[in-house]
Every structure is written in C-alpha cells, then in structure tokens.
PDB file of N, CA and C in Angstrom:
ATOM      1  N   MET A   1      90.139  78.073  84.789  1.00  0.00           N
ATOM      2  CA  MET A   1      89.330  78.987  85.562  1.00  0.00           C
ATOM      3  C   MET A   1      89.914  79.137  86.960  1.00  0.00           C
ATOM      4  N   LYS A   2      89.823  80.351  87.494  1.00  0.00           N
ATOM      5  CA  LYS A   2      90.287  80.601  88.846  1.00  0.00           C
ATOM      6  C   LYS A   2      89.308  80.013  89.843  1.00  0.00           C
ATOM      7  N   THR A   3      89.788  79.833  91.061  1.00  0.00           N
ATOM      8  CA  THR A   3      88.953  79.267  92.111  1.00  0.00           C
ATOM      9  C   THR A   3      87.746  80.147  92.374  1.00  0.00           C
ATOM     10  N   SER A   4      87.927  81.461  92.375  1.00  0.00           N
ATOM     11  CA  SER A   4      86.805  82.358  92.636  1.00  0.00           C
ATOM     12  C   SER A   4      85.754  82.270  91.525  1.00  0.00           C
ATOM     13  N   GLN A   5      86.192  82.056  90.298  1.00  0.00           N
ATOM     14  CA  GLN A   5      85.240  81.900  89.193  1.00  0.00           C
ATOM     15  C   GLN A   5      84.465  80.599  89.331  1.00  0.00           C
ATOM     16  N   VAL A   6      85.141  79.555  89.786  1.00  0.00           N
ATOM     17  CA  VAL A   6      84.469  78.278  89.998  1.00  0.00           C
ATOM     18  C   VAL A   6      83.401  78.432  91.068  1.00  0.00           C
ATOM     19  N   PHE A   7      83.713  79.152  92.162  1.00  0.00           N
ATOM     20  CA  PHE A   7      82.734  79.380  93.216  1.00  0.00           C
ATOM     21  C   PHE A   7      81.550  80.194  92.706  1.00  0.00           C
ATOM     22  N   ALA A   8      81.805  81.196  91.884  1.00  0.00           N
ATOM     23  CA  ALA A   8      80.720  82.018  91.344  1.00  0.00           C
ATOM     24  C   ALA A   8      79.807  81.186  90.459  1.00  0.00           C
ATOM     25  N   VAL A   9      80.382  80.391  89.584  1.00  0.00           N
ATOM     26  CA  VAL A   9      79.577  79.557  88.681  1.00  0.00           C
ATOM     27  C   VAL A   9      78.803  78.509  89.479  1.00  0.00           C
ATOM     28  N   SER A  10      79.455  77.900  90.464  1.00  0.00           N
ATOM     29  CA  SER A  10      78.767  76.873  91.247  1.00  0.00           C
ATOM     30  C   SER A  10      77.641  77.481  92.080  1.00  0.00           C
ATOM     31  N   SER A  11      77.814  78.702  92.597  1.00  0.00           N
ATOM     32  CA  SER A  11      76.728  79.327  93.361  1.00  0.00           C
ATOM     33  C   SER A  11      75.540  79.639  92.466  1.00  0.00           C
ATOM     34  N   ILE A  12      75.794  80.033  91.236  1.00  0.00           N
ATOM     35  CA  ILE A  12      74.696  80.296  90.301  1.00  0.00           C
ATOM     36  C   ILE A  12      73.965  79.004  89.963  1.00  0.00           C
ATOM     37  N   VAL A  13      74.704  77.932  89.745  1.00  0.00           N
ATOM     38  CA  VAL A  13      74.077  76.645  89.416  1.00  0.00           C
ATOM     39  C   VAL A  13      73.249  76.140  90.591  1.00  0.00           C
ATOM     40  N   ILE A  14      73.785  76.260  91.801  1.00  0.00           N
ATOM     41  CA  ILE A  14      73.058  75.800  92.987  1.00  0.00           C
ATOM     42  C   ILE A  14      71.787  76.617  93.189  1.00  0.00           C
ATOM     43  N   SER A  15      71.870  77.928  92.992  1.00  0.00           N
ATOM     44  CA  SER A  15      70.683  78.753  93.189  1.00  0.00           C
ATOM     45  C   SER A  15      69.621  78.456  92.128  1.00  0.00           C
ATOM     46  N   MET A  16      70.028  78.242  90.898  1.00  0.00           N
ATOM     47  CA  MET A  16      69.056  77.904  89.850  1.00  0.00           C
ATOM     48  C   MET A  16      68.397  76.549  90.140  1.00  0.00           C
ATOM     49  N   THR A  17      69.164  75.598  90.637  1.00  0.00           N
ATOM     50  CA  THR A  17      68.601  74.307  91.013  1.00  0.00           C
ATOM     51  C   THR A  17      67.598  74.469  92.146  1.00  0.00           C
ATOM     52  N   PHE A  18      67.947  75.312  93.115  1.00  0.00           N
ATOM     53  CA  PHE A  18      67.058  75.557  94.247  1.00  0.00           C
ATOM     54  C   PHE A  18      65.741  76.169  93.781  1.00  0.00           C
ATOM     55  N   PHE A  19      65.817  77.161  92.882  1.00  0.00           N
ATOM     56  CA  PHE A  19      64.601  77.763  92.351  1.00  0.00           C
ATOM     57  C   PHE A  19      63.786  76.752  91.550  1.00  0.00           C
ATOM     58  N   GLY A  20      64.460  75.864  90.847  1.00  0.00           N
ATOM     59  CA  GLY A  20      63.747  74.828  90.106  1.00  0.00           C
ATOM     60  C   GLY A  20      62.993  73.883  91.017  1.00  0.00           C
ATOM     61  N   VAL A  21      63.624  73.502  92.128  1.00  0.00           N
ATOM     62  CA  VAL A  21      62.967  72.619  93.092  1.00  0.00           C
ATOM     63  C   VAL A  21      61.806  73.346  93.761  1.00  0.00           C
ATOM     64  N   LEU A  22      61.985  74.630  94.090  1.00  0.00           N
ATOM     65  CA  LEU A  22      60.897  75.393  94.705  1.00  0.00           C
ATOM     66  C   LEU A  22      59.692  75.521  93.778  1.00  0.00           C
ATOM     67  N   SER A  23      59.941  75.607  92.493  1.00  0.00           N
ATOM     68  CA  SER A  23      58.828  75.759  91.553  1.00  0.00           C
ATOM     69  C   SER A  23      58.008  74.478  91.424  1.00  0.00           C
ATOM     70  N   ILE A  24      58.604  73.349  91.773  1.00  0.00           N
ATOM     71  CA  ILE A  24      57.875  72.071  91.695  1.00  0.00           C
ATOM     72  C   ILE A  24      56.820  71.996  92.798  1.00  0.00           C
ATOM     73  N   PHE A  25      57.206  72.414  94.015  1.00  0.00           N
ATOM     74  CA  PHE A  25      56.292  72.350  95.148  1.00  0.00           C
ATOM     75  C   PHE A  25      55.364  73.559  95.147  1.00  0.00           C
ATOM     76  N   GLU A  26      54.118  73.330  95.564  1.00  0.00           N
ATOM     77  CA  GLU A  26      53.167  74.427  95.638  1.00  0.00           C
ATOM     78  C   GLU A  26      53.132  74.939  97.074  1.00  0.00           C
ATOM     79  N   LEU A  27      53.966  75.920  97.355  1.00  0.00           N
ATOM     80  CA  LEU A  27      54.014  76.526  98.680  1.00  0.00           C
ATOM     81  C   LEU A  27      53.095  77.746  98.700  1.00  0.00           C
ATOM     82  N   PRO A  28      52.640  78.154  99.887  1.00  0.00           N
ATOM     83  CA  PRO A  28      51.860  79.399  99.959  1.00  0.00           C
ATOM     84  C   PRO A  28      52.673  80.565  99.387  1.00  0.00           C
ATOM     85  N   GLN A  29      51.991  81.499  98.742  1.00  0.00           N
ATOM     86  CA  GLN A  29      52.673  82.578  98.039  1.00  0.00           C
ATOM     87  C   GLN A  29      53.526  83.426  98.980  1.00  0.00           C
ATOM     88  N   SER A  30      53.047  83.690 100.201  1.00  0.00           N
ATOM     89  CA  SER A  30      53.823  84.513 101.130  1.00  0.00           C
ATOM     90  C   SER A  30      55.124  83.816 101.535  1.00  0.00           C
ATOM     91  N   LEU A  31      55.064  82.503 101.755  1.00  0.00           N
ATOM     92  CA  LEU A  31      56.269  81.751 102.099  1.00  0.00           C
ATOM     93  C   LEU A  31      57.222  81.686 100.921  1.00  0.00           C
ATOM     94  N   MET A  32      56.672  81.518  99.743  1.00  0.00           N
ATOM     95  CA  MET A  32      57.498  81.472  98.529  1.00  0.00           C
ATOM     96  C   MET A  32      58.208  82.800  98.311  1.00  0.00           C
ATOM     97  N   ASP A  33      57.503  83.919  98.489  1.00  0.00           N
ATOM     98  CA  ASP A  33      58.124  85.239  98.334  1.00  0.00           C
ATOM     99  C   ASP A  33      59.231  85.454  99.363  1.00  0.00           C
ATOM    100  N   TRP A  34      59.009  85.002 100.589  1.00  0.00           N
ATOM    101  CA  TRP A  34      59.995  85.157 101.650  1.00  0.00           C
ATOM    102  C   TRP A  34      61.254  84.363 101.334  1.00  0.00           C
ATOM    103  N   VAL A  35      61.101  83.124 100.914  1.00  0.00           N
ATOM    104  CA  VAL A  35      62.245  82.275 100.592  1.00  0.00           C
ATOM    105  C   VAL A  35      63.012  82.838  99.405  1.00  0.00           C
ATOM    106  N   ILE A  36      62.294  83.265  98.373  1.00  0.00           N
ATOM    107  CA  ILE A  36      62.952  83.801  97.179  1.00  0.00           C
ATOM    108  C   ILE A  36      63.713  85.073  97.502  1.00  0.00           C
ATOM    109  N   SER A  37      63.132  85.956  98.314  1.00  0.00           N
ATOM    110  CA  SER A  37      63.831  87.199  98.649  1.00  0.00           C
ATOM    111  C   SER A  37      65.070  86.919  99.490  1.00  0.00           C
ATOM    112  N   ASP A  38      65.005  85.958 100.415  1.00  0.00           N
ATOM    113  CA  ASP A  38      66.196  85.610 101.205  1.00  0.00           C
ATOM    114  C   ASP A  38      67.282  84.987 100.345  1.00  0.00           C
ATOM    115  N   VAL A  39      66.907  84.132  99.421  1.00  0.00           N
ATOM    116  CA  VAL A  39      67.889  83.493  98.550  1.00  0.00           C
ATOM    117  C   VAL A  39      68.542  84.535  97.643  1.00  0.00           C
ATOM    118  N   ILE A  40      67.743  85.443  97.101  1.00  0.00           N
ATOM    119  CA  ILE A  40      68.297  86.485  96.234  1.00  0.00           C
ATOM    120  C   ILE A  40      69.264  87.367  97.010  1.00  0.00           C
ATOM    121  N   LEU A  41      68.896  87.749  98.241  1.00  0.00           N
ATOM    122  CA  LEU A  41      69.793  88.554  99.067  1.00  0.00           C
ATOM    123  C   LEU A  41      71.094  87.806  99.357  1.00  0.00           C
ATOM    124  N   GLY A  42      71.002  86.514  99.662  1.00  0.00           N
ATOM    125  CA  GLY A  42      72.196  85.720  99.907  1.00  0.00           C
ATOM    126  C   GLY A  42      73.087  85.626  98.683  1.00  0.00           C
ATOM    127  N   ILE A  43      72.498  85.458  97.527  1.00  0.00           N
ATOM    128  CA  ILE A  43      73.272  85.375  96.283  1.00  0.00           C
ATOM    129  C   ILE A  43      73.969  86.698  96.004  1.00  0.00           C
ATOM    130  N   ILE A  44      73.244  87.803  96.205  1.00  0.00           N
ATOM    131  CA  ILE A  44      73.841  89.120  95.965  1.00  0.00           C
ATOM    132  C   ILE A  44      75.024  89.354  96.896  1.00  0.00           C
ATOM    133  N   LEU A  45      74.848  89.027  98.168  1.00  0.00           N
ATOM    134  CA  LEU A  45      75.939  89.220  99.123  1.00  0.00           C
ATOM    135  C   LEU A  45      77.131  88.325  98.796  1.00  0.00           C
ATOM    136  N   TYR A  46      76.868  87.077  98.433  1.00  0.00           N
ATOM    137  CA  TYR A  46      77.948  86.144  98.125  1.00  0.00           C
ATOM    138  C   TYR A  46      78.707  86.561  96.872  1.00  0.00           C
ATOM    139  N   LEU A  47      77.976  86.948  95.829  1.00  0.00           N
ATOM    140  CA  LEU A  47      78.637  87.378  94.602  1.00  0.00           C
ATOM    141  C   LEU A  47      79.388  88.692  94.815  1.00  0.00           C
ATOM    142  N   GLY A  48      78.865  89.558  95.669  1.00  0.00           N
ATOM    143  CA  GLY A  48      79.584  90.782  96.013  1.00  0.00           C
ATOM    144  C   GLY A  48      80.884  90.470  96.723  1.00  0.00           C
ATOM    145  N   TYR A  49      80.838  89.505  97.625  1.00  0.00           N
ATOM    146  CA  TYR A  49      82.055  89.080  98.325  1.00  0.00           C
ATOM    147  C   TYR A  49      83.063  88.506  97.333  1.00  0.00           C
ATOM    148  N   LEU A  50      82.612  87.666  96.422  1.00  0.00           N
ATOM    149  CA  LEU A  50      83.523  87.096  95.428  1.00  0.00           C
ATOM    150  C   LEU A  50      84.114  88.175  94.532  1.00  0.00           C
ATOM    151  N   GLY A  51      83.308  89.173  94.188  1.00  0.00           N
ATOM    152  CA  GLY A  51      83.813  90.279  93.374  1.00  0.00           C
ATOM    153  C   GLY A  51      84.887  91.066  94.094  1.00  0.00           C
ATOM    154  N   MET A  52      84.691  91.308  95.387  1.00  0.00           N
ATOM    155  CA  MET A  52      85.711  92.023  96.162  1.00  0.00           C
ATOM    156  C   MET A  52      86.993  91.207  96.261  1.00  0.00           C
ATOM    157  N   VAL A  53      86.870  89.907  96.400  1.00  0.00           N
ATOM    158  CA  VAL A  53      88.055  89.045  96.488  1.00  0.00           C
ATOM    159  C   VAL A  53      88.804  89.045  95.163  1.00  0.00           C
ATOM    160  N   MET A  54      88.072  88.981  94.046  1.00  0.00           N
ATOM    161  CA  MET A  54      88.734  88.970  92.738  1.00  0.00           C
ATOM    162  C   MET A  54      89.425  90.308  92.465  1.00  0.00           C
ATOM    163  N   LEU A  55      88.796  91.413  92.847  1.00  0.00           N
ATOM    164  CA  LEU A  55      89.407  92.720  92.629  1.00  0.00           C
ATOM    165  C   LEU A  55      90.585  92.953  93.564  1.00  0.00           C
ATOM    166  N   GLY A  56      90.494  92.439  94.777  1.00  0.00           N
ATOM    167  CA  GLY A  56      91.553  92.636  95.760  1.00  0.00           C
ATOM    168  C   GLY A  56      92.796  91.825  95.454  1.00  0.00           C
ATOM    169  N   GLY A  57      92.680  90.751  94.747  1.00  0.00           N
ATOM    170  CA  GLY A  57      93.825  89.912  94.423  1.00  0.00           C
ATOM    171  C   GLY A  57      94.213  89.026  95.591  1.00  0.00           C
ATOM    172  N   SER A  58      95.350  88.419  95.458  1.00  0.00           N
ATOM    173  CA  SER A  58      95.797  87.493  96.487  1.00  0.00           C
ATOM    174  C   SER A  58      96.550  88.229  97.581  1.00  0.00           C
ATOM    175  N   SER A  59      96.766  87.548  98.649  1.00  0.00           N
ATOM    176  CA  SER A  59      97.478  88.105  99.795  1.00  0.00           C
ATOM    177  C   SER A  59      98.953  88.307  99.444  1.00  0.00           C
ATOM    178  N   LYS A  60      99.534  89.347  99.981  1.00  0.00           N
ATOM    179  CA  LYS A  60     100.932  89.661  99.678  1.00  0.00           C
ATOM    180  C   LYS A  60     101.884  89.250 100.805  1.00  0.00           C
ATOM    181  N   THR A  61     101.420  88.456 101.737  1.00  0.00           N
ATOM    182  CA  THR A  61     102.271  88.055 102.845  1.00  0.00           C
ATOM    183  C   THR A  61     103.307  87.049 102.378  1.00  0.00           C
ATOM    184  N   ARG A  62     104.459  87.097 103.011  1.00  0.00           N
ATOM    185  CA  ARG A  62     105.537  86.153 102.689  1.00  0.00           C
ATOM    186  C   ARG A  62     105.805  85.282 103.900  1.00  0.00           C
ATOM    187  N   LEU A  63     106.048  84.037 103.639  1.00  0.00           N
ATOM    188  CA  LEU A  63     106.391  83.117 104.711  1.00  0.00           C
ATOM    189  C   LEU A  63     107.906  83.013 104.819  1.00  0.00           C
ATOM    190  N   TYR A  64     108.375  82.854 106.026  1.00  0.00           N
ATOM    191  CA  TYR A  64     109.804  82.715 106.255  1.00  0.00           C
ATOM    192  C   TYR A  64     110.244  81.327 105.838  1.00  0.00           C
ATOM    193  N   ASP A  65     111.268  81.239 105.032  1.00  0.00           N
ATOM    194  CA  ASP A  65     111.802  79.968 104.565  1.00  0.00           C
ATOM    195  C   ASP A  65     113.038  79.645 105.378  1.00  0.00           C
ATOM    196  N   SER A  66     112.951  78.662 106.250  1.00  0.00           N
ATOM    197  CA  SER A  66     114.063  78.337 107.147  1.00  0.00           C
ATOM    198  C   SER A  66     115.157  77.553 106.445  1.00  0.00           C
ATOM    199  N   THR A  67     114.947  77.088 105.215  1.00  0.00           N
ATOM    200  CA  THR A  67     115.965  76.304 104.518  1.00  0.00           C
ATOM    201  C   THR A  67     117.014  77.197 103.862  1.00  0.00           C
ATOM    202  N   LYS A  68     116.687  78.468 103.662  1.00  0.00           N
ATOM    203  CA  LYS A  68     117.654  79.376 103.026  1.00  0.00           C
ATOM    204  C   LYS A  68     118.657  79.867 104.065  1.00  0.00           C
ATOM    205  N   LYS A  69     119.931  79.878 103.694  1.00  0.00           N
ATOM    206  CA  LYS A  69     120.975  80.382 104.585  1.00  0.00           C
ATOM    207  C   LYS A  69     121.220  81.867 104.278  1.00  0.00           C
ATOM    208  N   VAL A  70     121.377  82.616 105.325  1.00  0.00           N
ATOM    209  CA  VAL A  70     121.676  84.022 105.162  1.00  0.00           C
ATOM    210  C   VAL A  70     123.167  84.201 105.289  1.00  0.00           C
ATOM    211  N   THR A  71     123.792  84.752 104.260  1.00  0.00           N
ATOM    212  CA  THR A  71     125.231  85.014 104.310  1.00  0.00           C
ATOM    213  C   THR A  71     125.468  86.501 104.247  1.00  0.00           C
ATOM    214  N   ALA A  72     126.433  86.933 105.031  1.00  0.00           N
ATOM    215  CA  ALA A  72     126.712  88.381 105.070  1.00  0.00           C
ATOM    216  C   ALA A  72     127.948  88.703 104.271  1.00  0.00           C
TER     217      ALA A  72
END
C-alpha cells in the first residue's frame, strides 16, 4: 500500500473509533451534533487533500548529485 493509502485508512479508523467513544458518553444533543459536524468536515477536507495528492503524483524536482563528474 502507498503511504497516502495508509493515511486514508488510518484516518477512517481513527474517526470511527472517535465516533464509537462519543456514542458511549451521553453528551447533550446540541454538543454532540456540533462535534459530529466538525469531525465530518475535518474528515472530508483531509480525504480531499489526500485525493489531490494521489492524483497529483509525486514531485518532479531533481536534486543535484555532486558525486557525478561532468565530462565535456
């Protein structure tokens, strides 16, 4: 698996765990709705970022290698 896929899977697992822990505690409904909407927005933004990174591919920059000799 690629690193970006690992991050996507781990973010889903963490968010599901968070929702599981929230369901155990009896919080006021307004606070629960606020927390859930913020978490969902964060997940959407994070997964969107990961999707853009996967579609964009890796960086195309090259580093200068000082060990190579240039001959003319």
